[in-house]
Amino acid sequence: MEKCGGVVKDEMMCRINPDVYEEALQKDGCREMVFTGRPMKGYVFVDDTGMKSKKEFDYRINLCLDFNKKAKAAKKKKK
């Protein structure tokens, strides 16, 4: 199973369905996850303003868990 979320510094990192990516970015406290200078579509950061209630927190977690069922695992790097 691939990672579907985590904590980076003081923000929650969420791997979500790219189909709901733009919609998720419209929610309070949500921003693009930028890695190596480019946004990673399907990954977002959420700060504490986007998780002030259990309902908001559950929304984020459910986005991660729902997509995790469908997401393809990343290919393992050869050593």
N, C-alpha and C. Protein backbone atom coordinates (compact mmCIF):
# COMPACT_ATOMS: atom_id res chain seq x y z
N MET A 1 0.84 -1.17 0.00
CA MET A 1 0.00 0.00 0.00
C MET A 1 0.89 1.24 0.00
N GLU A 2 0.58 2.18 -0.81
CA GLU A 2 1.30 3.44 -0.94
C GLU A 2 0.89 4.39 0.18
N LYS A 3 1.76 5.31 0.52
CA LYS A 3 1.44 6.32 1.52
C LYS A 3 0.30 7.19 1.00
N CYS A 4 -0.63 7.50 1.87
CA CYS A 4 -1.75 8.34 1.44
C CYS A 4 -1.77 9.68 2.16
N GLY A 5 -0.92 9.84 3.14
CA GLY A 5 -0.87 11.11 3.86
C GLY A 5 0.23 11.08 4.89
N GLY A 6 0.45 12.23 5.48
CA GLY A 6 1.47 12.31 6.51
C GLY A 6 1.57 13.73 7.03
N VAL A 7 2.57 13.96 7.86
CA VAL A 7 2.78 15.28 8.43
C VAL A 7 4.17 15.75 8.03
N VAL A 8 4.25 16.96 7.51
CA VAL A 8 5.51 17.58 7.13
C VAL A 8 5.57 18.91 7.87
N LYS A 9 6.51 19.01 8.77
CA LYS A 9 6.64 20.17 9.66
C LYS A 9 5.32 20.35 10.41
N ASP A 10 4.57 21.40 10.13
CA ASP A 10 3.31 21.62 10.84
C ASP A 10 2.10 21.55 9.91
N GLU A 11 2.23 20.85 8.79
CA GLU A 11 1.14 20.70 7.85
C GLU A 11 0.86 19.22 7.56
N MET A 12 -0.38 18.94 7.19
CA MET A 12 -0.73 17.60 6.76
C MET A 12 -0.52 17.51 5.26
N MET A 13 0.14 16.45 4.81
CA MET A 13 0.32 16.19 3.40
C MET A 13 -0.70 15.13 3.00
N CYS A 14 -1.44 15.42 1.94
CA CYS A 14 -2.49 14.50 1.49
C CYS A 14 -2.27 14.11 0.04
N ARG A 15 -2.35 12.81 -0.23
CA ARG A 15 -2.34 12.32 -1.61
C ARG A 15 -3.80 12.08 -1.97
N ILE A 16 -4.29 12.84 -2.94
CA ILE A 16 -5.71 12.80 -3.28
C ILE A 16 -5.90 12.53 -4.76
N ASN A 17 -7.12 12.21 -5.12
CA ASN A 17 -7.46 11.96 -6.51
C ASN A 17 -7.22 13.24 -7.32
N PRO A 18 -6.42 13.16 -8.38
CA PRO A 18 -6.19 14.35 -9.21
C PRO A 18 -7.49 14.94 -9.77
N ASP A 19 -8.54 14.15 -9.86
CA ASP A 19 -9.82 14.65 -10.36
C ASP A 19 -10.46 15.66 -9.40
N VAL A 20 -10.13 15.60 -8.11
CA VAL A 20 -10.70 16.55 -7.13
C VAL A 20 -9.64 17.54 -6.63
N TYR A 21 -8.49 17.53 -7.25
CA TYR A 21 -7.36 18.38 -6.85
C TYR A 21 -7.73 19.86 -6.85
N GLU A 22 -8.26 20.36 -7.95
CA GLU A 22 -8.60 21.79 -8.05
C GLU A 22 -9.66 22.17 -7.03
N GLU A 23 -10.63 21.32 -6.83
CA GLU A 23 -11.68 21.58 -5.84
C GLU A 23 -11.09 21.63 -4.43
N ALA A 24 -10.20 20.71 -4.13
CA ALA A 24 -9.58 20.67 -2.80
C ALA A 24 -8.76 21.93 -2.54
N LEU A 25 -8.10 22.46 -3.56
CA LEU A 25 -7.29 23.66 -3.40
C LEU A 25 -8.13 24.88 -3.04
N GLN A 26 -9.42 24.85 -3.33
CA GLN A 26 -10.30 25.97 -3.02
C GLN A 26 -10.68 26.03 -1.54
N LYS A 27 -10.45 24.96 -0.81
CA LYS A 27 -10.80 24.90 0.61
C LYS A 27 -9.76 25.66 1.44
N ASP A 28 -10.22 26.22 2.56
CA ASP A 28 -9.34 26.97 3.46
C ASP A 28 -8.16 26.11 3.91
N GLY A 29 -6.99 26.73 3.93
CA GLY A 29 -5.80 26.09 4.48
C GLY A 29 -5.11 25.12 3.55
N CYS A 30 -5.60 24.96 2.34
CA CYS A 30 -5.04 23.98 1.41
C CYS A 30 -4.18 24.69 0.36
N ARG A 31 -3.02 24.09 0.07
CA ARG A 31 -2.14 24.65 -0.96
C ARG A 31 -1.47 23.52 -1.73
N GLU A 32 -0.93 23.87 -2.89
CA GLU A 32 -0.22 22.91 -3.71
C GLU A 32 1.01 22.39 -2.98
N MET A 33 1.34 21.15 -3.22
CA MET A 33 2.61 20.61 -2.75
C MET A 33 3.60 20.81 -3.88
N VAL A 34 4.60 21.63 -3.64
CA VAL A 34 5.60 21.93 -4.66
C VAL A 34 6.88 21.21 -4.27
N PHE A 35 7.36 20.39 -5.20
CA PHE A 35 8.57 19.61 -4.98
C PHE A 35 9.48 19.84 -6.16
N THR A 36 10.70 20.18 -5.91
CA THR A 36 11.70 20.51 -6.94
C THR A 36 11.21 21.60 -7.88
N GLY A 37 10.48 22.58 -7.32
CA GLY A 37 10.04 23.72 -8.11
C GLY A 37 8.77 23.51 -8.93
N ARG A 38 8.20 22.32 -8.89
CA ARG A 38 6.98 22.06 -9.66
C ARG A 38 5.88 21.53 -8.75
N PRO A 39 4.63 21.98 -8.98
CA PRO A 39 3.53 21.43 -8.19
C PRO A 39 3.31 19.95 -8.52
N MET A 40 3.00 19.17 -7.51
CA MET A 40 2.73 17.75 -7.71
C MET A 40 1.22 17.56 -7.68
N LYS A 41 0.63 17.43 -8.85
CA LYS A 41 -0.82 17.27 -8.94
C LYS A 41 -1.23 15.99 -8.22
N GLY A 42 -2.21 16.13 -7.36
CA GLY A 42 -2.67 14.99 -6.58
C GLY A 42 -2.11 14.99 -5.17
N TYR A 43 -1.22 15.94 -4.87
CA TYR A 43 -0.67 16.07 -3.53
C TYR A 43 -0.91 17.51 -3.05
N VAL A 44 -1.40 17.65 -1.83
CA VAL A 44 -1.64 18.98 -1.26
C VAL A 44 -1.13 19.02 0.17
N PHE A 45 -0.85 20.23 0.63
CA PHE A 45 -0.56 20.48 2.04
C PHE A 45 -1.76 21.18 2.64
N VAL A 46 -2.07 20.87 3.88
CA VAL A 46 -3.17 21.51 4.59
C VAL A 46 -2.63 22.00 5.93
N ASP A 47 -2.81 23.31 6.19
CA ASP A 47 -2.37 23.84 7.48
C ASP A 47 -3.52 23.80 8.48
N ASP A 48 -3.28 24.29 9.68
CA ASP A 48 -4.28 24.18 10.74
C ASP A 48 -5.57 24.95 10.45
N THR A 49 -5.52 25.96 9.59
CA THR A 49 -6.76 26.68 9.26
C THR A 49 -7.72 25.83 8.44
N GLY A 50 -7.21 24.78 7.83
CA GLY A 50 -8.05 23.88 7.05
C GLY A 50 -8.54 22.67 7.83
N MET A 51 -8.25 22.66 9.14
CA MET A 51 -8.64 21.52 9.98
C MET A 51 -9.13 21.98 11.34
N LYS A 52 -9.92 23.03 11.35
CA LYS A 52 -10.38 23.58 12.63
C LYS A 52 -11.46 22.73 13.29
N SER A 53 -12.11 21.90 12.52
CA SER A 53 -13.16 21.05 13.09
C SER A 53 -12.91 19.59 12.72
N LYS A 54 -13.54 18.70 13.44
CA LYS A 54 -13.44 17.27 13.13
C LYS A 54 -13.98 17.00 11.73
N LYS A 55 -15.02 17.71 11.34
CA LYS A 55 -15.61 17.54 10.01
C LYS A 55 -14.59 17.88 8.91
N GLU A 56 -13.86 18.99 9.09
CA GLU A 56 -12.84 19.38 8.10
C GLU A 56 -11.69 18.37 8.08
N PHE A 57 -11.25 17.93 9.25
CA PHE A 57 -10.18 16.94 9.33
C PHE A 57 -10.62 15.64 8.66
N ASP A 58 -11.82 15.18 8.97
CA ASP A 58 -12.34 13.94 8.38
C ASP A 58 -12.44 14.05 6.86
N TYR A 59 -12.84 15.22 6.36
CA TYR A 59 -12.92 15.45 4.91
C TYR A 59 -11.56 15.19 4.27
N ARG A 60 -10.51 15.75 4.86
CA ARG A 60 -9.14 15.57 4.31
C ARG A 60 -8.71 14.11 4.36
N ILE A 61 -8.90 13.49 5.50
CA ILE A 61 -8.50 12.08 5.66
C ILE A 61 -9.27 11.19 4.69
N ASN A 62 -10.55 11.44 4.53
CA ASN A 62 -11.36 10.62 3.62
C ASN A 62 -10.94 10.80 2.16
N LEU A 63 -10.53 12.01 1.78
CA LEU A 63 -10.00 12.19 0.43
C LEU A 63 -8.78 11.29 0.21
N CYS A 64 -7.90 11.25 1.21
CA CYS A 64 -6.69 10.40 1.12
C CYS A 64 -7.06 8.92 1.04
N LEU A 65 -7.90 8.48 1.95
CA LEU A 65 -8.25 7.06 2.02
C LEU A 65 -9.02 6.60 0.80
N ASP A 66 -9.93 7.44 0.29
CA ASP A 66 -10.69 7.07 -0.91
C ASP A 66 -9.78 6.90 -2.11
N PHE A 67 -8.83 7.82 -2.28
CA PHE A 67 -7.94 7.71 -3.42
C PHE A 67 -6.94 6.58 -3.25
N ASN A 68 -6.53 6.30 -2.03
CA ASN A 68 -5.54 5.26 -1.79
C ASN A 68 -6.01 3.90 -2.30
N LYS A 69 -7.31 3.66 -2.29
CA LYS A 69 -7.86 2.39 -2.80
C LYS A 69 -7.62 2.24 -4.29
N LYS A 70 -7.54 3.37 -5.00
CA LYS A 70 -7.42 3.37 -6.47
C LYS A 70 -6.01 3.65 -6.96
N ALA A 71 -5.20 4.27 -6.11
CA ALA A 71 -3.87 4.74 -6.53
C ALA A 71 -2.94 3.59 -6.86
N LYS A 72 -2.14 3.81 -7.86
CA LYS A 72 -1.11 2.84 -8.22
C LYS A 72 0.13 3.12 -7.38
N ALA A 73 0.73 2.09 -6.90
CA ALA A 73 1.95 2.23 -6.10
C ALA A 73 3.09 2.71 -7.01
N ALA A 74 3.95 3.51 -6.46
CA ALA A 74 5.13 3.95 -7.20
C ALA A 74 6.04 2.76 -7.43
N LYS A 75 6.72 2.76 -8.57
CA LYS A 75 7.66 1.69 -8.87
C LYS A 75 8.84 1.78 -7.92
N LYS A 76 9.28 0.64 -7.42
CA LYS A 76 10.42 0.62 -6.52
C LYS A 76 11.70 0.86 -7.30
N LYS A 77 12.58 1.68 -6.72
CA LYS A 77 13.85 1.98 -7.37
C LYS A 77 14.80 0.80 -7.19
N LYS A 78 15.54 0.52 -8.24
CA LYS A 78 16.55 -0.54 -8.17
C LYS A 78 17.76 -0.01 -7.46
N LYS A 79 18.36 -0.86 -6.64
CA LYS A 79 19.57 -0.46 -5.89
C LYS A 79 20.81 -0.72 -6.66
